[in-house]
Protein backbone atom coordinates (compact mmCIF):
# COMPACT_ATOMS: atom_id res chain seq x y z
CA MET A 1 -2.48 -32.77 27.51
CA LEU A 2 -0.85 -35.74 25.91
CA ASN A 3 2.88 -35.33 26.28
CA ALA A 4 5.03 -37.11 23.74
CA GLY A 5 8.08 -34.92 24.11
CA ILE A 6 11.47 -36.59 23.69
CA SER A 7 14.60 -34.92 24.98
CA GLY A 8 17.15 -34.49 22.21
CA ASN A 9 14.70 -35.39 19.45
CA ASP A 10 15.29 -34.20 15.88
CA LEU A 11 12.85 -33.17 13.19
CA LEU A 12 14.43 -35.07 10.28
CA LYS A 13 16.57 -37.91 11.56
CA ASP A 14 16.14 -40.67 14.10
CA GLY A 15 18.40 -40.62 17.12
CA ALA A 16 16.84 -39.80 20.48
CA GLY A 17 13.81 -41.77 19.43
CA PRO A 18 12.18 -41.64 16.01
CA SER A 19 12.31 -38.23 14.35
CA ALA A 20 9.31 -35.92 14.53
CA LEU A 21 8.52 -36.78 10.92
CA ASN A 22 8.64 -40.51 11.60
CA ARG A 23 6.51 -40.42 14.74
CA PHE A 24 3.99 -37.74 13.85
CA GLN A 25 1.39 -40.26 12.67
CA ARG A 26 1.63 -42.32 15.86
CA ASP A 27 2.12 -39.58 18.44
CA VAL A 28 -0.23 -36.96 17.02
CA LEU A 29 -2.54 -37.99 14.20
CA GLN A 30 -3.62 -41.28 15.76
CA GLN A 31 -4.48 -39.70 19.11
CA PRO A 32 -8.26 -39.66 19.59
CA GLY A 33 -9.88 -36.28 19.95
CA ALA A 34 -6.84 -34.20 19.00
CA LYS A 35 -7.70 -30.85 17.46
CA TRP A 36 -4.56 -28.73 17.78
CA VAL A 37 -0.88 -29.46 17.50
CA VAL A 38 2.00 -27.20 18.44
CA LEU A 39 5.48 -27.66 17.03
CA SER A 40 7.93 -26.11 19.44
CA ASP A 41 11.68 -25.81 18.80
CA ASP A 42 12.06 -29.29 17.31
CA PRO A 43 14.56 -28.30 14.56
CA ILE A 44 17.04 -26.85 17.09
CA ASN A 45 18.75 -30.20 17.61
CA ASP A 46 18.99 -30.70 13.85
CA LEU A 47 20.75 -27.31 13.59
CA GLY A 48 23.20 -28.31 16.30
CA ASP A 49 24.33 -31.39 14.42
CA PRO A 50 27.97 -31.36 13.23
CA ASN A 51 26.65 -31.73 9.70
CA PRO A 52 23.27 -30.01 9.91
CA PRO A 53 20.57 -30.17 7.29
CA THR A 54 19.88 -27.03 5.33
CA ALA A 55 17.19 -24.59 6.35
CA ALA A 56 15.32 -25.55 3.18
CA GLN A 57 15.32 -29.21 4.22
CA LEU A 58 14.04 -28.34 7.70
CA ILE A 59 11.36 -26.03 6.34
CA SER A 60 10.26 -28.81 4.00
CA GLY A 61 9.96 -31.11 7.01
CA ILE A 62 7.81 -28.57 8.85
CA GLN A 63 5.64 -28.17 5.76
CA GLN A 64 5.11 -31.93 5.65
CA LEU A 65 3.89 -31.90 9.26
CA ILE A 66 1.57 -28.97 8.57
CA SER A 67 0.11 -30.72 5.52
CA GLN A 68 -0.43 -33.97 7.43
CA ALA A 69 -2.09 -32.14 10.32
CA HIS A 70 -4.40 -30.20 8.02
CA ALA A 71 -5.32 -33.34 6.09
CA ALA A 72 -6.37 -34.89 9.41
CA GLY A 73 -8.41 -31.83 10.38
CA LEU A 74 -6.00 -30.48 13.02
CA LYS A 75 -4.95 -26.86 13.46
CA PHE A 76 -1.18 -26.41 13.42
CA ILE A 77 0.44 -23.83 15.69
CA CYS A 78 4.05 -23.04 14.76
CA SER A 79 6.52 -21.56 17.21
CA THR A 80 9.64 -19.64 16.34
CA LEU A 81 12.94 -21.18 17.43
CA THR A 82 14.40 -19.76 20.62
CA PRO A 83 17.98 -18.40 20.62
CA PHE A 84 20.89 -20.68 21.47
CA LYS A 85 24.10 -18.69 20.98
CA GLY A 86 26.61 -19.76 23.60
CA ALA A 87 25.37 -23.34 23.72
CA GLY A 88 27.93 -26.05 23.09
CA TYR A 89 26.68 -26.88 19.61
CA TRP A 90 25.95 -23.34 18.38
CA THR A 91 27.53 -22.38 15.05
CA GLN A 92 26.95 -19.50 12.69
CA THR A 93 25.60 -22.00 10.17
CA GLY A 94 23.06 -23.18 12.71
CA GLU A 95 22.18 -19.59 13.56
CA ASN A 96 21.61 -18.80 9.90
CA GLY A 97 19.30 -21.81 9.71
CA ARG A 98 17.38 -20.67 12.78
CA ALA A 99 16.89 -17.21 11.26
CA ALA A 100 15.64 -18.70 7.99
CA ILE A 101 13.18 -21.01 9.75
CA ASN A 102 11.86 -18.18 11.91
CA SER A 103 11.41 -16.02 8.84
CA PHE A 104 9.45 -18.82 7.18
CA ILE A 105 7.25 -19.35 10.27
CA ARG A 106 6.48 -15.64 10.52
CA GLY A 107 5.71 -15.37 6.81
CA ALA A 108 2.22 -15.16 5.40
CA GLY A 109 2.66 -18.28 3.26
CA SER A 110 3.89 -20.68 5.95
CA GLY A 111 0.64 -22.60 6.30
CA CYS A 112 0.75 -22.20 10.09
CA ASP A 113 -2.69 -21.58 11.56
CA HIS A 114 -1.17 -19.49 14.35
CA VAL A 115 2.34 -18.51 15.44
CA LEU A 116 3.75 -18.54 18.96
CA ASP A 117 6.76 -16.24 18.84
CA GLN A 118 9.01 -17.83 21.46
CA ASP A 119 12.04 -16.13 19.95
CA THR A 120 10.74 -12.60 20.46
CA ALA A 121 9.49 -13.53 23.93
CA THR A 122 12.91 -14.70 25.13
CA HIS A 123 15.78 -13.19 23.16
CA ASP A 124 18.01 -10.37 24.35
CA PRO A 125 17.06 -7.26 22.33
CA GLY A 126 20.69 -6.16 22.43
CA ASN A 127 21.96 -9.58 21.39
CA PRO A 128 19.05 -11.33 19.62
CA GLN A 129 20.97 -14.51 18.89
CA ALA A 130 21.07 -15.23 22.65
CA PHE A 131 18.60 -15.47 25.50
CA LEU A 132 17.95 -12.44 27.64
CA PRO A 133 20.21 -13.24 30.63
CA ALA A 134 17.24 -13.19 32.99
CA TYR A 135 15.66 -16.02 30.94
CA ASP A 136 18.75 -18.22 30.50
CA CYS A 137 19.02 -21.32 32.69
CA GLY A 138 22.79 -21.13 32.31
CA ASP A 139 23.46 -23.47 29.41
CA HIS A 140 22.36 -20.89 26.81
CA LEU A 141 20.11 -23.52 25.30
CA HIS A 142 17.17 -23.85 27.67
CA PRO A 143 15.13 -21.11 29.31
CA ASN A 144 14.79 -20.94 33.08
CA ASP A 145 11.46 -20.67 34.89
CA ALA A 146 11.23 -16.95 34.09
CA GLY A 147 11.89 -17.74 30.43
CA TYR A 148 9.14 -20.33 30.35
CA GLN A 149 6.85 -17.79 31.98
CA ALA A 150 7.72 -15.28 29.27
CA ILE A 151 6.77 -17.86 26.65
CA ALA A 152 3.52 -18.58 28.48
CA ASN A 153 2.75 -14.88 28.52
CA ALA A 154 3.19 -14.80 24.74
CA VAL A 155 0.44 -17.37 24.15
CA ASP A 156 -2.64 -15.62 22.77
CA ILE A 157 -5.17 -18.07 24.15
CA PRO A 158 -8.36 -16.49 22.74
CA ALA A 159 -6.86 -16.11 19.26
CA ILE A 160 -5.52 -19.65 19.12
CA PHE A 161 -8.03 -21.69 21.09
CA GLY A 162 -11.01 -19.39 21.52
CA SER A 163 -12.50 -18.34 24.84
CA GLY A 164 -12.20 -20.59 27.87
CA GLY A 165 -15.59 -22.24 27.43
CA GLY A 166 -14.25 -25.40 25.81
CA VAL A 167 -11.48 -26.03 28.31
CA ARG A 168 -11.95 -28.53 31.10
CA ASP A 169 -10.40 -28.60 34.49
CA LEU A 170 -7.95 -31.52 34.32
CA ALA A 171 -8.15 -32.38 38.00
CA GLN A 172 -11.95 -32.39 38.17
CA GLY A 173 -12.82 -33.29 34.59
CA ARG A 174 -15.47 -30.59 34.44
CA PRO A 175 -15.89 -27.61 32.14
CA ALA A 176 -14.20 -24.49 33.42
CA GLN A 177 -14.39 -20.87 32.38
CA ALA A 178 -10.66 -20.21 32.58
CA SER A 179 -9.04 -16.86 32.01
CA ALA A 180 -6.18 -16.47 29.57
CA SER A 181 -3.82 -15.77 32.46
CA ALA A 182 -4.89 -18.92 34.29
CA LEU A 183 -4.45 -21.00 31.17
CA ALA A 184 -1.02 -19.47 30.64
CA GLN A 185 -0.07 -20.60 34.14
CA VAL A 186 -1.06 -24.15 33.25
CA TRP A 187 1.00 -23.81 30.09
CA VAL A 188 4.10 -22.74 31.95
CA ARG A 189 3.77 -25.49 34.54
CA ARG A 190 3.51 -28.05 31.74
CA MET A 191 6.54 -26.59 30.05
CA ARG A 192 8.58 -26.72 33.24
CA SER A 193 7.67 -30.33 33.89
CA THR A 194 7.92 -31.71 30.37
CA VAL A 195 10.52 -29.60 28.66
CA ARG A 196 12.92 -28.52 31.39
CA ARG A 197 15.66 -30.86 30.18
CA ARG A 198 15.06 -30.39 26.56
CA ARG A 199 16.10 -28.12 23.95
CA GLY A 200 14.94 -29.02 20.65
CA GLY A 201 11.39 -29.21 20.24
CA ALA A 202 8.07 -30.28 21.24
CA VAL A 203 5.05 -31.16 19.30
CA THR A 204 1.91 -30.73 21.28
CA THR A 205 -1.61 -31.64 20.42
CA TRP A 206 -4.87 -31.21 22.21
CA THR A 207 -8.31 -32.48 22.29
CA ARG A 208 -11.34 -30.37 22.90
CA ARG A 209 -11.73 -31.45 26.47
CA GLY A 210 -8.59 -30.65 28.08
CA TRP A 211 -5.47 -28.72 28.37
CA SER A 212 -2.15 -29.60 27.45
CA TRP A 213 1.16 -28.40 26.77
CA ILE A 214 -0.93 -26.28 24.85
CA TRP A 215 -4.39 -26.63 25.37
CA VAL A 216 -7.19 -28.64 25.51
CA PRO A 217 -8.22 -31.13 27.69
CA ARG A 218 -6.21 -33.87 26.39
CA ILE A 219 -3.20 -32.62 24.84
CA ARG A 220 -0.30 -34.18 23.25
CA SER A 221 3.21 -32.99 23.29
CA ALA A 222 5.93 -34.46 21.19
CA GLY A 223 9.28 -32.98 20.71
CA SER A 224 12.83 -32.88 21.75
CA GLY A 225 15.08 -31.29 24.17
């Protein structure tokens, strides 16, 4: 896994490092062997801005990333935005934007090759704008370990990446027939180590020999937090 996550990163504007749009070429498309990329929560920080971009602008940004990935031969896995009501920068405007983006991602015409529904995996069914309390680290913006595990459990490994035959053991560098549950455990460990302080997004890419923030032996993760 190649991890290019940046805490606090935005999708559209530079700030905590170049925006996802401005660094996608360098951090994803120019990485040798990459075959998959996962965009995870990156627009959340945009939505928390005092003067946030519109949902249409953010969706356009996501569409640009999808188009660039497809043009380079990469599969693009979209993830729904996790809830953040109660966080310091939550507003109803931001919430409306999150809902619109999630609706786009779940829609048939999004262009996403697969969808990881982090929102459904972590929100409180009785209060869907917020984390389930058992998954909230306490700041209402980031999941705790149980929340990351819930996200890992939502990853449909066979559907997204195929059976375990193409995955290599990172420590040994050899092919490994890994079960979906074992791969999910790797996923959650990566999330804990690379995204614990973040809350905004992560773009992850993989190569066919390794695992990553999302699979594959060499994976790349870029995002925010």
